[in-house]
mmCIF file of all heavy atoms, coordinates in Angstrom:
data_MODEL
# 
_entry.id   MODEL 
# 
loop_
_atom_site.group_PDB 
_atom_site.id 
_atom_site.type_symbol 
_atom_site.label_atom_id 
_atom_site.label_alt_id 
_atom_site.label_comp_id 
_atom_site.label_asym_id 
_atom_site.label_entity_id 
_atom_site.label_seq_id 
_atom_site.pdbx_PDB_ins_code 
_atom_site.Cartn_x 
_atom_site.Cartn_y 
_atom_site.Cartn_z 
_atom_site.occupancy 
_atom_site.B_iso_or_equiv 
_atom_site.pdbx_formal_charge 
_atom_site.auth_seq_id 
_atom_site.auth_comp_id 
_atom_site.auth_asym_id 
_atom_site.auth_atom_id 
_atom_site.pdbx_PDB_model_num 
ATOM 1   N N   . ILE A 1 1  ? 26.294 -114.362 -37.903 1.00 0.00 ? 1  ILE A N   1 
ATOM 2   C CA  . ILE A 1 1  ? 27.555 -113.597 -37.837 1.00 0.00 ? 1  ILE A CA  1 
ATOM 3   C C   . ILE A 1 1  ? 28.692 -114.454 -37.291 1.00 0.00 ? 1  ILE A C   1 
ATOM 4   O O   . ILE A 1 1  ? 29.827 -114.481 -37.848 1.00 0.00 ? 1  ILE A O   1 
ATOM 5   C CB  . ILE A 1 1  ? 27.393 -112.291 -37.016 1.00 0.00 ? 1  ILE A CB  1 
ATOM 6   C CG1 . ILE A 1 1  ? 26.504 -111.294 -37.692 1.00 0.00 ? 1  ILE A CG1 1 
ATOM 7   C CG2 . ILE A 1 1  ? 28.750 -111.698 -36.698 1.00 0.00 ? 1  ILE A CG2 1 
ATOM 8   C CD1 . ILE A 1 1  ? 26.209 -110.062 -36.875 1.00 0.00 ? 1  ILE A CD1 1 
ATOM 9   N N   . TRP A 1 2  ? 28.399 -115.207 -36.211 1.00 0.00 ? 2  TRP A N   1 
ATOM 10  C CA  . TRP A 1 2  ? 29.372 -116.096 -35.658 1.00 0.00 ? 2  TRP A CA  1 
ATOM 11  C C   . TRP A 1 2  ? 29.783 -117.191 -36.618 1.00 0.00 ? 2  TRP A C   1 
ATOM 12  O O   . TRP A 1 2  ? 30.953 -117.483 -36.751 1.00 0.00 ? 2  TRP A O   1 
ATOM 13  C CB  . TRP A 1 2  ? 28.799 -116.727 -34.369 1.00 0.00 ? 2  TRP A CB  1 
ATOM 14  C CG  . TRP A 1 2  ? 29.635 -117.813 -33.781 1.00 0.00 ? 2  TRP A CG  1 
ATOM 15  C CD1 . TRP A 1 2  ? 30.881 -117.690 -33.220 1.00 0.00 ? 2  TRP A CD1 1 
ATOM 16  C CD2 . TRP A 1 2  ? 29.329 -119.227 -33.812 1.00 0.00 ? 2  TRP A CD2 1 
ATOM 17  N NE1 . TRP A 1 2  ? 31.338 -118.918 -32.852 1.00 0.00 ? 2  TRP A NE1 1 
ATOM 18  C CE2 . TRP A 1 2  ? 30.433 -119.907 -33.144 1.00 0.00 ? 2  TRP A CE2 1 
ATOM 19  C CE3 . TRP A 1 2  ? 28.205 -119.965 -34.197 1.00 0.00 ? 2  TRP A CE3 1 
ATOM 20  C CZ2 . TRP A 1 2  ? 30.428 -121.240 -32.995 1.00 0.00 ? 2  TRP A CZ2 1 
ATOM 21  C CZ3 . TRP A 1 2  ? 28.257 -121.291 -34.006 1.00 0.00 ? 2  TRP A CZ3 1 
ATOM 22  C CH2 . TRP A 1 2  ? 29.345 -121.960 -33.428 1.00 0.00 ? 2  TRP A CH2 1 
ATOM 23  N N   . LEU A 1 3  ? 28.826 -117.789 -37.322 1.00 0.00 ? 3  LEU A N   1 
ATOM 24  C CA  . LEU A 1 3  ? 29.053 -118.874 -38.254 1.00 0.00 ? 3  LEU A CA  1 
ATOM 25  C C   . LEU A 1 3  ? 29.833 -118.326 -39.522 1.00 0.00 ? 3  LEU A C   1 
ATOM 26  O O   . LEU A 1 3  ? 30.825 -118.956 -39.929 1.00 0.00 ? 3  LEU A O   1 
ATOM 27  C CB  . LEU A 1 3  ? 27.775 -119.518 -38.732 1.00 0.00 ? 3  LEU A CB  1 
ATOM 28  C CG  . LEU A 1 3  ? 26.992 -120.324 -37.721 1.00 0.00 ? 3  LEU A CG  1 
ATOM 29  C CD1 . LEU A 1 3  ? 25.634 -120.764 -38.269 1.00 0.00 ? 3  LEU A CD1 1 
ATOM 30  C CD2 . LEU A 1 3  ? 27.813 -121.547 -37.259 1.00 0.00 ? 3  LEU A CD2 1 
ATOM 31  N N   . PHE A 1 4  ? 29.419 -117.214 -40.044 1.00 0.00 ? 4  PHE A N   1 
ATOM 32  C CA  . PHE A 1 4  ? 30.002 -116.762 -41.268 1.00 0.00 ? 4  PHE A CA  1 
ATOM 33  C C   . PHE A 1 4  ? 31.405 -116.246 -41.067 1.00 0.00 ? 4  PHE A C   1 
ATOM 34  O O   . PHE A 1 4  ? 32.215 -116.203 -41.960 1.00 0.00 ? 4  PHE A O   1 
ATOM 35  C CB  . PHE A 1 4  ? 29.086 -115.644 -41.892 1.00 0.00 ? 4  PHE A CB  1 
ATOM 36  C CG  . PHE A 1 4  ? 27.848 -116.175 -42.467 1.00 0.00 ? 4  PHE A CG  1 
ATOM 37  C CD1 . PHE A 1 4  ? 26.771 -115.318 -42.688 1.00 0.00 ? 4  PHE A CD1 1 
ATOM 38  C CD2 . PHE A 1 4  ? 27.701 -117.445 -42.794 1.00 0.00 ? 4  PHE A CD2 1 
ATOM 39  C CE1 . PHE A 1 4  ? 25.566 -115.756 -43.230 1.00 0.00 ? 4  PHE A CE1 1 
ATOM 40  C CE2 . PHE A 1 4  ? 26.511 -118.001 -43.347 1.00 0.00 ? 4  PHE A CE2 1 
ATOM 41  C CZ  . PHE A 1 4  ? 25.464 -117.114 -43.581 1.00 0.00 ? 4  PHE A CZ  1 
ATOM 42  N N   . HIS A 1 5  ? 31.663 -115.796 -39.832 1.00 0.00 ? 5  HIS A N   1 
ATOM 43  C CA  . HIS A 1 5  ? 33.066 -115.338 -39.473 1.00 0.00 ? 5  HIS A CA  1 
ATOM 44  C C   . HIS A 1 5  ? 34.063 -116.467 -39.655 1.00 0.00 ? 5  HIS A C   1 
ATOM 45  O O   . HIS A 1 5  ? 35.206 -116.194 -39.987 1.00 0.00 ? 5  HIS A O   1 
ATOM 46  C CB  . HIS A 1 5  ? 33.039 -114.843 -38.059 1.00 0.00 ? 5  HIS A CB  1 
ATOM 47  C CG  . HIS A 1 5  ? 34.447 -114.350 -37.547 1.00 0.00 ? 5  HIS A CG  1 
ATOM 48  N ND1 . HIS A 1 5  ? 35.055 -113.243 -38.065 1.00 0.00 ? 5  HIS A ND1 1 
ATOM 49  C CD2 . HIS A 1 5  ? 35.294 -114.912 -36.653 1.00 0.00 ? 5  HIS A CD2 1 
ATOM 50  C CE1 . HIS A 1 5  ? 36.259 -113.132 -37.511 1.00 0.00 ? 5  HIS A CE1 1 
ATOM 51  N NE2 . HIS A 1 5  ? 36.412 -114.096 -36.661 1.00 0.00 ? 5  HIS A NE2 1 
ATOM 52  N N   . LYS A 1 6  ? 33.623 -117.698 -39.440 1.00 0.00 ? 6  LYS A N   1 
ATOM 53  C CA  . LYS A 1 6  ? 34.508 -118.858 -39.553 1.00 0.00 ? 6  LYS A CA  1 
ATOM 54  C C   . LYS A 1 6  ? 34.428 -119.610 -40.880 1.00 0.00 ? 6  LYS A C   1 
ATOM 55  O O   . LYS A 1 6  ? 34.958 -120.652 -41.041 1.00 0.00 ? 6  LYS A O   1 
ATOM 56  C CB  . LYS A 1 6  ? 34.221 -119.852 -38.417 1.00 0.00 ? 6  LYS A CB  1 
ATOM 57  C CG  . LYS A 1 6  ? 34.366 -119.239 -37.032 1.00 0.00 ? 6  LYS A CG  1 
ATOM 58  C CD  . LYS A 1 6  ? 34.117 -120.304 -35.939 1.00 0.00 ? 6  LYS A CD  1 
ATOM 59  C CE  . LYS A 1 6  ? 34.280 -119.732 -34.530 1.00 0.00 ? 6  LYS A CE  1 
ATOM 60  N NZ  . LYS A 1 6  ? 34.088 -120.738 -33.498 1.00 0.00 ? 6  LYS A NZ  1 
ATOM 61  N N   . THR A 1 7  ? 33.615 -119.061 -41.850 1.00 0.00 ? 7  THR A N   1 
ATOM 62  C CA  . THR A 1 7  ? 33.326 -119.790 -43.025 1.00 0.00 ? 7  THR A CA  1 
ATOM 63  C C   . THR A 1 7  ? 34.290 -119.457 -44.141 1.00 0.00 ? 7  THR A C   1 
ATOM 64  O O   . THR A 1 7  ? 34.640 -118.320 -44.361 1.00 0.00 ? 7  THR A O   1 
ATOM 65  C CB  . THR A 1 7  ? 31.864 -119.393 -43.504 1.00 0.00 ? 7  THR A CB  1 
ATOM 66  O OG1 . THR A 1 7  ? 30.959 -119.773 -42.488 1.00 0.00 ? 7  THR A OG1 1 
ATOM 67  C CG2 . THR A 1 7  ? 31.562 -120.108 -44.800 1.00 0.00 ? 7  THR A CG2 1 
ATOM 68  N N   . ASP A 1 8  ? 34.702 -120.521 -44.852 1.00 0.00 ? 8  ASP A N   1 
ATOM 69  C CA  . ASP A 1 8  ? 35.468 -120.359 -46.084 1.00 0.00 ? 8  ASP A CA  1 
ATOM 70  C C   . ASP A 1 8  ? 34.449 -120.294 -47.208 1.00 0.00 ? 8  ASP A C   1 
ATOM 71  O O   . ASP A 1 8  ? 33.893 -121.279 -47.676 1.00 0.00 ? 8  ASP A O   1 
ATOM 72  C CB  . ASP A 1 8  ? 36.360 -121.635 -46.250 1.00 0.00 ? 8  ASP A CB  1 
ATOM 73  C CG  . ASP A 1 8  ? 37.289 -121.489 -47.529 1.00 0.00 ? 8  ASP A CG  1 
ATOM 74  O OD1 . ASP A 1 8  ? 36.934 -120.748 -48.414 1.00 0.00 ? 8  ASP A OD1 1 
ATOM 75  O OD2 . ASP A 1 8  ? 38.260 -122.218 -47.564 1.00 0.00 ? 8  ASP A OD2 1 
ATOM 76  N N   . TRP A 1 9  ? 34.246 -119.039 -47.696 1.00 0.00 ? 9  TRP A N   1 
ATOM 77  C CA  . TRP A 1 9  ? 33.212 -118.786 -48.638 1.00 0.00 ? 9  TRP A CA  1 
ATOM 78  C C   . TRP A 1 9  ? 33.419 -119.548 -49.970 1.00 0.00 ? 9  TRP A C   1 
ATOM 79  O O   . TRP A 1 9  ? 32.472 -119.999 -50.646 1.00 0.00 ? 9  TRP A O   1 
ATOM 80  C CB  . TRP A 1 9  ? 33.006 -117.270 -48.879 1.00 0.00 ? 9  TRP A CB  1 
ATOM 81  C CG  . TRP A 1 9  ? 32.365 -116.663 -47.682 1.00 0.00 ? 9  TRP A CG  1 
ATOM 82  C CD1 . TRP A 1 9  ? 33.017 -116.005 -46.729 1.00 0.00 ? 9  TRP A CD1 1 
ATOM 83  C CD2 . TRP A 1 9  ? 30.981 -116.638 -47.363 1.00 0.00 ? 9  TRP A CD2 1 
ATOM 84  N NE1 . TRP A 1 9  ? 32.113 -115.555 -45.756 1.00 0.00 ? 9  TRP A NE1 1 
ATOM 85  C CE2 . TRP A 1 9  ? 30.853 -115.889 -46.167 1.00 0.00 ? 9  TRP A CE2 1 
ATOM 86  C CE3 . TRP A 1 9  ? 29.848 -117.069 -48.017 1.00 0.00 ? 9  TRP A CE3 1 
ATOM 87  C CZ2 . TRP A 1 9  ? 29.635 -115.661 -45.571 1.00 0.00 ? 9  TRP A CZ2 1 
ATOM 88  C CZ3 . TRP A 1 9  ? 28.603 -116.853 -47.404 1.00 0.00 ? 9  TRP A CZ3 1 
ATOM 89  C CH2 . TRP A 1 9  ? 28.490 -116.195 -46.180 1.00 0.00 ? 9  TRP A CH2 1 
ATOM 90  N N   . ALA A 1 10 ? 34.692 -119.642 -50.369 1.00 0.00 ? 10 ALA A N   1 
ATOM 91  C CA  . ALA A 1 10 ? 34.956 -120.340 -51.627 1.00 0.00 ? 10 ALA A CA  1 
ATOM 92  C C   . ALA A 1 10 ? 34.597 -121.804 -51.472 1.00 0.00 ? 10 ALA A C   1 
ATOM 93  O O   . ALA A 1 10 ? 33.997 -122.404 -52.325 1.00 0.00 ? 10 ALA A O   1 
ATOM 94  C CB  . ALA A 1 10 ? 36.436 -120.184 -51.986 1.00 0.00 ? 10 ALA A CB  1 
ATOM 95  N N   . ALA A 1 11 ? 34.952 -122.384 -50.336 1.00 0.00 ? 11 ALA A N   1 
ATOM 96  C CA  . ALA A 1 11 ? 34.663 -123.827 -50.116 1.00 0.00 ? 11 ALA A CA  1 
ATOM 97  C C   . ALA A 1 11 ? 33.150 -124.047 -50.011 1.00 0.00 ? 11 ALA A C   1 
ATOM 98  O O   . ALA A 1 11 ? 32.596 -125.071 -50.531 1.00 0.00 ? 11 ALA A O   1 
ATOM 99  C CB  . ALA A 1 11 ? 35.319 -124.308 -48.833 1.00 0.00 ? 11 ALA A CB  1 
ATOM 100 N N   . LEU A 1 12 ? 32.409 -123.119 -49.313 1.00 0.00 ? 12 LEU A N   1 
ATOM 101 C CA  . LEU A 1 12 ? 30.987 -123.248 -49.174 1.00 0.00 ? 12 LEU A CA  1 
ATOM 102 C C   . LEU A 1 12 ? 30.288 -123.146 -50.497 1.00 0.00 ? 12 LEU A C   1 
ATOM 103 O O   . LEU A 1 12 ? 29.422 -123.908 -50.864 1.00 0.00 ? 12 LEU A O   1 
ATOM 104 C CB  . LEU A 1 12 ? 30.486 -122.129 -48.266 1.00 0.00 ? 12 LEU A CB  1 
ATOM 105 C CG  . LEU A 1 12 ? 28.964 -122.215 -47.895 1.00 0.00 ? 12 LEU A CG  1 
ATOM 106 C CD1 . LEU A 1 12 ? 28.669 -123.457 -47.119 1.00 0.00 ? 12 LEU A CD1 1 
ATOM 107 C CD2 . LEU A 1 12 ? 28.578 -120.947 -47.120 1.00 0.00 ? 12 LEU A CD2 1 
ATOM 108 N N   . THR A 1 13 ? 30.703 -122.201 -51.369 1.00 0.00 ? 13 THR A N   1 
ATOM 109 C CA  . THR A 1 13 ? 30.166 -122.042 -52.692 1.00 0.00 ? 13 THR A CA  1 
ATOM 110 C C   . THR A 1 13 ? 30.369 -123.244 -53.523 1.00 0.00 ? 13 THR A C   1 
ATOM 111 O O   . THR A 1 13 ? 29.466 -123.742 -54.243 1.00 0.00 ? 13 THR A O   1 
ATOM 112 C CB  . THR A 1 13 ? 30.760 -120.795 -53.366 1.00 0.00 ? 13 THR A CB  1 
ATOM 113 O OG1 . THR A 1 13 ? 30.529 -119.619 -52.575 1.00 0.00 ? 13 THR A OG1 1 
ATOM 114 C CG2 . THR A 1 13 ? 30.139 -120.616 -54.748 1.00 0.00 ? 13 THR A CG2 1 
ATOM 115 N N   . GLN A 1 14 ? 31.606 -123.831 -53.413 1.00 0.00 ? 14 GLN A N   1 
ATOM 116 C CA  . GLN A 1 14 ? 31.927 -125.065 -54.180 1.00 0.00 ? 14 GLN A CA  1 
ATOM 117 C C   . GLN A 1 14 ? 31.009 -126.202 -53.777 1.00 0.00 ? 14 GLN A C   1 
ATOM 118 O O   . GLN A 1 14 ? 30.589 -127.021 -54.577 1.00 0.00 ? 14 GLN A O   1 
ATOM 119 C CB  . GLN A 1 14 ? 33.411 -125.410 -53.974 1.00 0.00 ? 14 GLN A CB  1 
ATOM 120 C CG  . GLN A 1 14 ? 33.943 -126.448 -54.936 1.00 0.00 ? 14 GLN A CG  1 
ATOM 121 C CD  . GLN A 1 14 ? 33.906 -125.995 -56.366 1.00 0.00 ? 14 GLN A CD  1 
ATOM 122 O OE1 . GLN A 1 14 ? 33.923 -124.826 -56.695 1.00 0.00 ? 14 GLN A OE1 1 
ATOM 123 N NE2 . GLN A 1 14 ? 33.842 -127.001 -57.292 1.00 0.00 ? 14 GLN A NE2 1 
ATOM 124 N N   . ARG A 1 15 ? 30.677 -126.293 -52.478 1.00 0.00 ? 15 ARG A N   1 
ATOM 125 C CA  . ARG A 1 15 ? 29.793 -127.379 -51.978 1.00 0.00 ? 15 ARG A CA  1 
ATOM 126 C C   . ARG A 1 15 ? 28.452 -127.229 -52.692 1.00 0.00 ? 15 ARG A C   1 
ATOM 127 O O   . ARG A 1 15 ? 27.941 -128.295 -53.129 1.00 0.00 ? 15 ARG A O   1 
ATOM 128 C CB  . ARG A 1 15 ? 29.584 -127.184 -50.475 1.00 0.00 ? 15 ARG A CB  1 
ATOM 129 C CG  . ARG A 1 15 ? 30.804 -127.620 -49.668 1.00 0.00 ? 15 ARG A CG  1 
ATOM 130 C CD  . ARG A 1 15 ? 30.845 -129.103 -49.494 1.00 0.00 ? 15 ARG A CD  1 
ATOM 131 N NE  . ARG A 1 15 ? 32.142 -129.557 -48.987 1.00 0.00 ? 15 ARG A NE  1 
ATOM 132 C CZ  . ARG A 1 15 ? 32.466 -130.790 -48.797 1.00 0.00 ? 15 ARG A CZ  1 
ATOM 133 N NH1 . ARG A 1 15 ? 31.607 -131.743 -49.171 1.00 0.00 ? 15 ARG A NH1 1 
ATOM 134 N NH2 . ARG A 1 15 ? 33.623 -131.110 -48.344 1.00 0.00 ? 15 ARG A NH2 1 
ATOM 135 N N   . PHE A 1 16 ? 27.904 -126.048 -52.784 1.00 0.00 ? 16 PHE A N   1 
ATOM 136 C CA  . PHE A 1 16 ? 26.636 -125.872 -53.392 1.00 0.00 ? 16 PHE A CA  1 
ATOM 137 C C   . PHE A 1 16 ? 26.669 -126.136 -54.922 1.00 0.00 ? 16 PHE A C   1 
ATOM 138 O O   . PHE A 1 16 ? 25.689 -126.660 -55.434 1.00 0.00 ? 16 PHE A O   1 
ATOM 139 C CB  . PHE A 1 16 ? 26.030 -124.519 -53.123 1.00 0.00 ? 16 PHE A CB  1 
ATOM 140 C CG  . PHE A 1 16 ? 25.507 -124.371 -51.725 1.00 0.00 ? 16 PHE A CG  1 
ATOM 141 C CD1 . PHE A 1 16 ? 26.104 -123.501 -50.795 1.00 0.00 ? 16 PHE A CD1 1 
ATOM 142 C CD2 . PHE A 1 16 ? 24.406 -125.069 -51.292 1.00 0.00 ? 16 PHE A CD2 1 
ATOM 143 C CE1 . PHE A 1 16 ? 25.629 -123.362 -49.519 1.00 0.00 ? 16 PHE A CE1 1 
ATOM 144 C CE2 . PHE A 1 16 ? 23.906 -124.951 -50.013 1.00 0.00 ? 16 PHE A CE2 1 
ATOM 145 C CZ  . PHE A 1 16 ? 24.486 -124.129 -49.113 1.00 0.00 ? 16 PHE A CZ  1 
ATOM 146 N N   . LEU A 1 17 ? 27.753 -125.780 -55.516 1.00 0.00 ? 17 LEU A N   1 
ATOM 147 C CA  . LEU A 1 17 ? 27.853 -126.005 -57.008 1.00 0.00 ? 17 LEU A CA  1 
ATOM 148 C C   . LEU A 1 17 ? 27.973 -127.511 -57.336 1.00 0.00 ? 17 LEU A C   1 
ATOM 149 O O   . LEU A 1 17 ? 27.657 -127.902 -58.433 1.00 0.00 ? 17 LEU A O   1 
ATOM 150 C CB  . LEU A 1 17 ? 29.102 -125.259 -57.542 1.00 0.00 ? 17 LEU A CB  1 
ATOM 151 C CG  . LEU A 1 17 ? 29.004 -123.735 -57.516 1.00 0.00 ? 17 LEU A CG  1 
ATOM 152 C CD1 . LEU A 1 17 ? 30.344 -123.152 -57.999 1.00 0.00 ? 17 LEU A CD1 1 
ATOM 153 C CD2 . LEU A 1 17 ? 27.848 -123.221 -58.406 1.00 0.00 ? 17 LEU A CD2 1 
ATOM 154 N N   . GLN A 1 18 ? 28.391 -128.265 -56.394 1.00 0.00 ? 18 GLN A N   1 
ATOM 155 C CA  . GLN A 1 18 ? 28.612 -129.702 -56.623 1.00 0.00 ? 18 GLN A CA  1 
ATOM 156 C C   . GLN A 1 18 ? 27.382 -130.611 -56.056 1.00 0.00 ? 18 GLN A C   1 
ATOM 157 O O   . GLN A 1 18 ? 27.553 -131.788 -55.953 1.00 0.00 ? 18 GLN A O   1 
ATOM 158 C CB  . GLN A 1 18 ? 29.895 -130.195 -55.994 1.00 0.00 ? 18 GLN A CB  1 
ATOM 159 C CG  . GLN A 1 18 ? 31.114 -129.551 -56.625 1.00 0.00 ? 18 GLN A CG  1 
ATOM 160 C CD  . GLN A 1 18 ? 32.391 -129.970 -55.959 1.00 0.00 ? 18 GLN A CD  1 
ATOM 161 O OE1 . GLN A 1 18 ? 32.397 -130.552 -54.842 1.00 0.00 ? 18 GLN A OE1 1 
ATOM 162 N NE2 . GLN A 1 18 ? 33.535 -129.739 -56.550 1.00 0.00 ? 18 GLN A NE2 1 
ATOM 163 N N   . ILE A 1 19 ? 26.323 -129.915 -55.753 1.00 0.00 ? 19 ILE A N   1 
ATOM 164 C CA  . ILE A 1 19 ? 25.156 -130.684 -55.227 1.00 0.00 ? 19 ILE A CA  1 
ATOM 165 C C   . ILE A 1 19 ? 24.631 -131.710 -56.310 1.00 0.00 ? 19 ILE A C   1 
ATOM 166 O O   . ILE A 1 19 ? 24.616 -131.398 -57.449 1.00 0.00 ? 19 ILE A O   1 
ATOM 167 C CB  . ILE A 1 19 ? 24.026 -129.704 -54.899 1.00 0.00 ? 19 ILE A CB  1 
ATOM 168 C CG1 . ILE A 1 19 ? 24.355 -128.893 -53.673 1.00 0.00 ? 19 ILE A CG1 1 
ATOM 169 C CG2 . ILE A 1 19 ? 22.666 -130.497 -54.694 1.00 0.00 ? 19 ILE A CG2 1 
ATOM 170 C CD1 . ILE A 1 19 ? 23.255 -127.896 -53.301 1.00 0.00 ? 19 ILE A CD1 1 
ATOM 171 N N   . ARG A 1 20 ? 24.430 -132.854 -55.782 1.00 0.00 ? 20 ARG A N   1 
ATOM 172 C CA  . ARG A 1 20 ? 23.850 -133.904 -56.687 1.00 0.00 ? 20 ARG A CA  1 
ATOM 173 C C   . ARG A 1 20 ? 22.343 -133.726 -56.742 1.00 0.00 ? 20 ARG A C   1 
ATOM 174 O O   . ARG A 1 20 ? 21.626 -134.092 -55.760 1.00 0.00 ? 20 ARG A O   1 
ATOM 175 C CB  . ARG A 1 20 ? 24.233 -135.309 -56.176 1.00 0.00 ? 20 ARG A CB  1 
ATOM 176 C CG  . ARG A 1 20 ? 25.731 -135.498 -56.020 1.00 0.00 ? 20 ARG A CG  1 
ATOM 177 C CD  . ARG A 1 20 ? 26.029 -136.775 -55.316 1.00 0.00 ? 20 ARG A CD  1 
ATOM 178 N NE  . ARG A 1 20 ? 27.511 -136.952 -55.097 1.00 0.00 ? 20 ARG A NE  1 
ATOM 179 C CZ  . ARG A 1 20 ? 28.095 -137.941 -54.497 1.00 0.00 ? 20 ARG A CZ  1 
ATOM 180 N NH1 . ARG A 1 20 ? 27.297 -138.926 -53.931 1.00 0.00 ? 20 ARG A NH1 1 
ATOM 181 N NH2 . ARG A 1 20 ? 29.415 -138.033 -54.372 1.00 0.00 ? 20 ARG A NH2 1 
ATOM 182 N N   . ILE A 1 21 ? 21.865 -133.248 -57.840 1.00 0.00 ? 21 ILE A N   1 
ATOM 183 C CA  . ILE A 1 21 ? 20.447 -132.838 -57.970 1.00 0.00 ? 21 ILE A CA  1 
ATOM 184 C C   . ILE A 1 21 ? 19.482 -133.960 -57.698 1.00 0.00 ? 21 ILE A C   1 
ATOM 185 O O   . ILE A 1 21 ? 18.428 -133.717 -57.037 1.00 0.00 ? 21 ILE A O   1 
ATOM 186 C CB  . ILE A 1 21 ? 20.215 -132.206 -59.397 1.00 0.00 ? 21 ILE A CB  1 
ATOM 187 C CG1 . ILE A 1 21 ? 21.119 -130.956 -59.553 1.00 0.00 ? 21 ILE A CG1 1 
ATOM 188 C CG2 . ILE A 1 21 ? 18.777 -131.833 -59.563 1.00 0.00 ? 21 ILE A CG2 1 
ATOM 189 C CD1 . ILE A 1 21 ? 20.888 -129.902 -58.526 1.00 0.00 ? 21 ILE A CD1 1 
ATOM 190 N N   . PRO A 1 22 ? 19.694 -135.199 -58.203 1.00 0.00 ? 22 PRO A N   1 
ATOM 191 C CA  . PRO A 1 22 ? 18.689 -136.259 -57.943 1.00 0.00 ? 22 PRO A CA  1 
ATOM 192 C C   . PRO A 1 22 ? 18.473 -136.477 -56.416 1.00 0.00 ? 22 PRO A C   1 
ATOM 193 O O   . PRO A 1 22 ? 17.344 -136.668 -55.971 1.00 0.00 ? 22 PRO A O   1 
ATOM 194 C CB  . PRO A 1 22 ? 19.338 -137.503 -58.541 1.00 0.00 ? 22 PRO A CB  1 
ATOM 195 C CG  . PRO A 1 22 ? 20.141 -136.946 -59.704 1.00 0.00 ? 22 PRO A CG  1 
ATOM 196 C CD  . PRO A 1 22 ? 20.717 -135.674 -59.142 1.00 0.00 ? 22 PRO A CD  1 
ATOM 197 N N   . TRP A 1 23 ? 19.534 -136.397 -55.665 1.00 0.00 ? 23 TRP A N   1 
ATOM 198 C CA  . TRP A 1 23 ? 19.427 -136.589 -54.162 1.00 0.00 ? 23 TRP A CA  1 
ATOM 199 C C   . TRP A 1 23 ? 18.658 -135.416 -53.540 1.00 0.00 ? 23 TRP A C   1 
ATOM 200 O O   . TRP A 1 23 ? 17.842 -135.585 -52.640 1.00 0.00 ? 23 TRP A O   1 
ATOM 201 C CB  . TRP A 1 23 ? 20.787 -136.729 -53.512 1.00 0.00 ? 23 TRP A CB  1 
ATOM 202 C CG  . TRP A 1 23 ? 21.470 -138.050 -53.758 1.00 0.00 ? 23 TRP A CG  1 
ATOM 203 C CD1 . TRP A 1 23 ? 22.481 -138.332 -54.572 1.00 0.00 ? 23 TRP A CD1 1 
ATOM 204 C CD2 . TRP A 1 23 ? 21.112 -139.281 -53.073 1.00 0.00 ? 23 TRP A CD2 1 
ATOM 205 N NE1 . TRP A 1 23 ? 22.813 -139.632 -54.481 1.00 0.00 ? 23 TRP A NE1 1 
ATOM 206 C CE2 . TRP A 1 23 ? 22.004 -140.246 -53.602 1.00 0.00 ? 23 TRP A CE2 1 
ATOM 207 C CE3 . TRP A 1 23 ? 20.145 -139.626 -52.162 1.00 0.00 ? 23 TRP A CE3 1 
ATOM 208 C CZ2 . TRP A 1 23 ? 21.942 -141.565 -53.133 1.00 0.00 ? 23 TRP A CZ2 1 
ATOM 209 C CZ3 . TRP A 1 23 ? 20.075 -140.927 -51.719 1.00 0.00 ? 23 TRP A CZ3 1 
ATOM 210 C CH2 . TRP A 1 23 ? 20.974 -141.922 -52.228 1.00 0.00 ? 23 TRP A CH2 1 
ATOM 211 N N   . PHE A 1 24 ? 18.913 -134.190 -54.086 1.00 0.00 ? 24 PHE A N   1 
ATOM 212 C CA  . PHE A 1 24 ? 18.214 -133.002 -53.566 1.00 0.00 ? 24 PHE A CA  1 
ATOM 213 C C   . PHE A 1 24 ? 16.746 -133.092 -53.857 1.00 0.00 ? 24 PHE A C   1 
ATOM 214 O O   . PHE A 1 24 ? 15.870 -132.803 -53.017 1.00 0.00 ? 24 PHE A O   1 
ATOM 215 C CB  . PHE A 1 24 ? 18.784 -131.772 -54.217 1.00 0.00 ? 24 PHE A CB  1 
ATOM 216 C CG  . PHE A 1 24 ? 18.161 -130.498 -53.813 1.00 0.00 ? 24 PHE A CG  1 
ATOM 217 C CD1 . PHE A 1 24 ? 18.182 -130.013 -52.485 1.00 0.00 ? 24 PHE A CD1 1 
ATOM 218 C CD2 . PHE A 1 24 ? 17.445 -129.750 -54.733 1.00 0.00 ? 24 PHE A CD2 1 
ATOM 219 C CE1 . PHE A 1 24 ? 17.526 -128.855 -52.122 1.00 0.00 ? 24 PHE A CE1 1 
ATOM 220 C CE2 . PHE A 1 24 ? 16.778 -128.567 -54.341 1.00 0.00 ? 24 PHE A CE2 1 
ATOM 221 C CZ  . PHE A 1 24 ? 16.848 -128.155 -53.029 1.00 0.00 ? 24 PHE A CZ  1 
# 
């Protein structure tokens, strides 16, 4: 709750959409 209160959800989602699959 504390973390998500400060989270920019659009930016967080964009981070996951741009994951480099080979590194993962």
